Amino acid sequence: MHRVLKLKHSKGPSRPQRIILMGTPGCGKEKYAQRVADEYQLVYIQVTQLLKDAVRREGTSSFAQDLA
């Protein structure tokens, strides 16, 4: 994993490194993502929480009420 995260020297514009973890529910993606973020000093973003927050802020539907 360390070799994948090494920054390459390039003359192009630099962009932050992105890692996407995929797997079945309950397989430990969140735990693994937090460990990788801690080890390589990356920012851990939980997309499901971002989506829930956006729905709560903008939504007045029953779905938004259920999330609150």
N, C-alpha and C. Protein backbone atom coordinates (compact mmCIF):
# COMPACT_ATOMS: atom_id res chain seq x y z
N MET A 1 0.83 -1.19 0.00
CA MET A 1 0.00 0.00 0.00
C MET A 1 0.87 1.25 0.00
N HIS A 2 2.01 1.19 0.67
CA HIS A 2 2.86 2.37 0.76
C HIS A 2 3.34 2.82 -0.61
N ARG A 3 3.66 1.87 -1.47
CA ARG A 3 4.15 2.21 -2.80
C ARG A 3 3.08 2.92 -3.62
N VAL A 4 1.82 2.58 -3.42
CA VAL A 4 0.73 3.20 -4.16
C VAL A 4 0.55 4.66 -3.75
N LEU A 5 0.77 4.96 -2.46
CA LEU A 5 0.50 6.30 -1.96
C LEU A 5 1.67 7.27 -2.12
N LYS A 6 2.82 6.80 -2.60
CA LYS A 6 3.94 7.70 -2.80
C LYS A 6 3.59 8.70 -3.91
N LEU A 7 3.92 9.96 -3.66
CA LEU A 7 3.64 10.98 -4.66
C LEU A 7 4.66 10.90 -5.79
N LYS A 8 4.19 11.02 -7.00
CA LYS A 8 5.07 10.99 -8.16
C LYS A 8 5.45 12.42 -8.51
N HIS A 9 6.66 12.57 -9.01
CA HIS A 9 7.10 13.89 -9.45
C HIS A 9 6.56 14.14 -10.85
N SER A 10 5.75 15.16 -10.95
CA SER A 10 5.10 15.45 -12.22
C SER A 10 5.06 16.96 -12.42
N LYS A 11 5.05 17.38 -13.65
CA LYS A 11 4.97 18.81 -13.94
C LYS A 11 3.52 19.28 -14.02
N GLY A 12 2.58 18.35 -13.96
CA GLY A 12 1.17 18.70 -14.01
C GLY A 12 0.68 19.22 -12.66
N PRO A 13 -0.52 19.75 -12.63
CA PRO A 13 -1.07 20.26 -11.37
C PRO A 13 -1.25 19.12 -10.36
N SER A 14 -0.94 19.40 -9.10
CA SER A 14 -1.07 18.35 -8.10
C SER A 14 -2.51 18.30 -7.58
N ARG A 15 -2.99 17.10 -7.37
CA ARG A 15 -4.33 16.89 -6.82
C ARG A 15 -4.19 16.01 -5.60
N PRO A 16 -5.10 16.16 -4.65
CA PRO A 16 -5.02 15.30 -3.47
C PRO A 16 -5.26 13.84 -3.83
N GLN A 17 -4.60 12.97 -3.10
CA GLN A 17 -4.75 11.53 -3.31
C GLN A 17 -6.15 11.09 -2.89
N ARG A 18 -6.77 10.22 -3.66
CA ARG A 18 -8.11 9.71 -3.34
C ARG A 18 -8.06 8.19 -3.29
N ILE A 19 -8.66 7.65 -2.26
CA ILE A 19 -8.77 6.21 -2.12
C ILE A 19 -10.23 5.88 -1.89
N ILE A 20 -10.76 4.97 -2.66
CA ILE A 20 -12.16 4.57 -2.50
C ILE A 20 -12.17 3.10 -2.09
N LEU A 21 -12.81 2.82 -0.98
CA LEU A 21 -12.92 1.44 -0.50
C LEU A 21 -14.32 0.94 -0.80
N MET A 22 -14.41 -0.23 -1.38
CA MET A 22 -15.70 -0.82 -1.70
C MET A 22 -15.77 -2.21 -1.09
N GLY A 23 -16.95 -2.59 -0.68
CA GLY A 23 -17.14 -3.92 -0.13
C GLY A 23 -18.56 -4.11 0.35
N THR A 24 -18.84 -5.31 0.79
CA THR A 24 -20.19 -5.62 1.27
C THR A 24 -20.43 -4.96 2.62
N PRO A 25 -21.70 -4.78 2.99
CA PRO A 25 -21.99 -4.19 4.30
C PRO A 25 -21.41 -5.05 5.43
N GLY A 26 -20.78 -4.38 6.37
CA GLY A 26 -20.25 -5.07 7.54
C GLY A 26 -18.89 -5.72 7.36
N CYS A 27 -18.19 -5.43 6.26
CA CYS A 27 -16.90 -6.08 6.04
C CYS A 27 -15.72 -5.30 6.64
N GLY A 28 -15.98 -4.13 7.23
CA GLY A 28 -14.92 -3.39 7.91
C GLY A 28 -14.30 -2.27 7.10
N LYS A 29 -15.02 -1.74 6.12
CA LYS A 29 -14.48 -0.65 5.30
C LYS A 29 -14.14 0.57 6.13
N GLU A 30 -15.03 0.94 7.04
CA GLU A 30 -14.81 2.15 7.84
C GLU A 30 -13.59 1.99 8.74
N LYS A 31 -13.45 0.87 9.38
CA LYS A 31 -12.31 0.62 10.26
C LYS A 31 -11.01 0.66 9.46
N TYR A 32 -10.99 0.02 8.30
CA TYR A 32 -9.80 0.00 7.46
C TYR A 32 -9.48 1.40 6.94
N ALA A 33 -10.51 2.16 6.55
CA ALA A 33 -10.31 3.52 6.05
C ALA A 33 -9.71 4.42 7.12
N GLN A 34 -10.16 4.28 8.35
CA GLN A 34 -9.61 5.09 9.43
C GLN A 34 -8.15 4.74 9.70
N ARG A 35 -7.81 3.45 9.63
CA ARG A 35 -6.42 3.04 9.85
C ARG A 35 -5.50 3.55 8.74
N VAL A 36 -5.97 3.47 7.49
CA VAL A 36 -5.17 3.97 6.37
C VAL A 36 -4.99 5.49 6.48
N ALA A 37 -6.06 6.20 6.84
CA ALA A 37 -5.99 7.65 6.99
C ALA A 37 -5.01 8.03 8.10
N ASP A 38 -5.03 7.32 9.20
CA ASP A 38 -4.11 7.61 10.30
C ASP A 38 -2.66 7.32 9.90
N GLU A 39 -2.44 6.20 9.24
CA GLU A 39 -1.08 5.80 8.91
C GLU A 39 -0.43 6.73 7.89
N TYR A 40 -1.21 7.19 6.90
CA TYR A 40 -0.65 8.02 5.83
C TYR A 40 -1.04 9.49 5.94
N GLN A 41 -1.58 9.89 7.08
CA GLN A 41 -1.98 11.27 7.34
C GLN A 41 -2.89 11.82 6.25
N LEU A 42 -3.94 11.07 5.96
CA LEU A 42 -4.95 11.46 4.99
C LEU A 42 -6.21 11.90 5.73
N VAL A 43 -7.08 12.56 5.03
CA VAL A 43 -8.35 12.98 5.61
C VAL A 43 -9.38 11.89 5.33
N TYR A 44 -10.05 11.45 6.38
CA TYR A 44 -11.09 10.42 6.24
C TYR A 44 -12.44 11.11 6.12
N ILE A 45 -13.16 10.84 5.05
CA ILE A 45 -14.48 11.43 4.82
C ILE A 45 -15.47 10.29 4.67
N GLN A 46 -16.50 10.32 5.49
CA GLN A 46 -17.54 9.29 5.41
C GLN A 46 -18.67 9.85 4.55
N VAL A 47 -18.78 9.34 3.33
CA VAL A 47 -19.71 9.87 2.35
C VAL A 47 -21.16 9.71 2.80
N THR A 48 -21.48 8.60 3.44
CA THR A 48 -22.88 8.41 3.88
C THR A 48 -23.29 9.49 4.87
N GLN A 49 -22.37 9.90 5.74
CA GLN A 49 -22.69 10.96 6.69
C GLN A 49 -22.89 12.30 5.98
N LEU A 50 -22.08 12.57 4.96
CA LEU A 50 -22.25 13.80 4.19
C LEU A 50 -23.62 13.84 3.51
N LEU A 51 -24.02 12.70 2.94
CA LEU A 51 -25.32 12.64 2.27
C LEU A 51 -26.47 12.83 3.27
N LYS A 52 -26.37 12.18 4.41
CA LYS A 52 -27.41 12.33 5.43
C LYS A 52 -27.52 13.77 5.90
N ASP A 53 -26.39 14.42 6.12
CA ASP A 53 -26.41 15.83 6.55
C ASP A 53 -27.04 16.73 5.50
N ALA A 54 -26.73 16.48 4.22
CA ALA A 54 -27.30 17.29 3.14
C ALA A 54 -28.81 17.11 3.08
N VAL A 55 -29.29 15.88 3.22
CA VAL A 55 -30.73 15.62 3.18
C VAL A 55 -31.42 16.29 4.36
N ARG A 56 -30.80 16.22 5.53
CA ARG A 56 -31.39 16.86 6.72
C ARG A 56 -31.51 18.37 6.54
N ARG A 57 -30.46 18.98 5.98
CA ARG A 57 -30.47 20.44 5.81
C ARG A 57 -31.49 20.89 4.77
N GLU A 58 -31.56 20.17 3.67
CA GLU A 58 -32.35 20.63 2.53
C GLU A 58 -33.73 19.99 2.44
N GLY A 59 -33.92 18.89 3.10
CA GLY A 59 -35.15 18.14 2.88
C GLY A 59 -36.23 18.38 3.91
N THR A 60 -37.46 18.37 3.44
CA THR A 60 -38.61 18.44 4.33
C THR A 60 -39.47 17.19 4.17
N SER A 61 -38.97 16.22 3.41
CA SER A 61 -39.74 15.01 3.15
C SER A 61 -39.73 14.12 4.38
N SER A 62 -40.53 13.07 4.34
CA SER A 62 -40.59 12.12 5.45
C SER A 62 -39.25 11.39 5.57
N PHE A 63 -38.56 11.17 4.46
CA PHE A 63 -37.25 10.53 4.49
C PHE A 63 -36.26 11.38 5.29
N ALA A 64 -36.28 12.69 5.04
CA ALA A 64 -35.39 13.61 5.77
C ALA A 64 -35.75 13.63 7.25
N GLN A 65 -37.03 13.55 7.55
CA GLN A 65 -37.47 13.55 8.95
C GLN A 65 -37.00 12.27 9.65
N ASP A 66 -36.99 11.14 8.93
CA ASP A 66 -36.55 9.88 9.50
C ASP A 66 -35.05 9.90 9.83
N LEU A 67 -34.26 10.60 9.04
CA LEU A 67 -32.83 10.68 9.28
C LEU A 67 -32.48 11.56 10.46
N ALA A 68 -33.30 12.51 10.76
CA ALA A 68 -33.00 13.48 11.83
C ALA A 68 -33.07 12.87 13.19
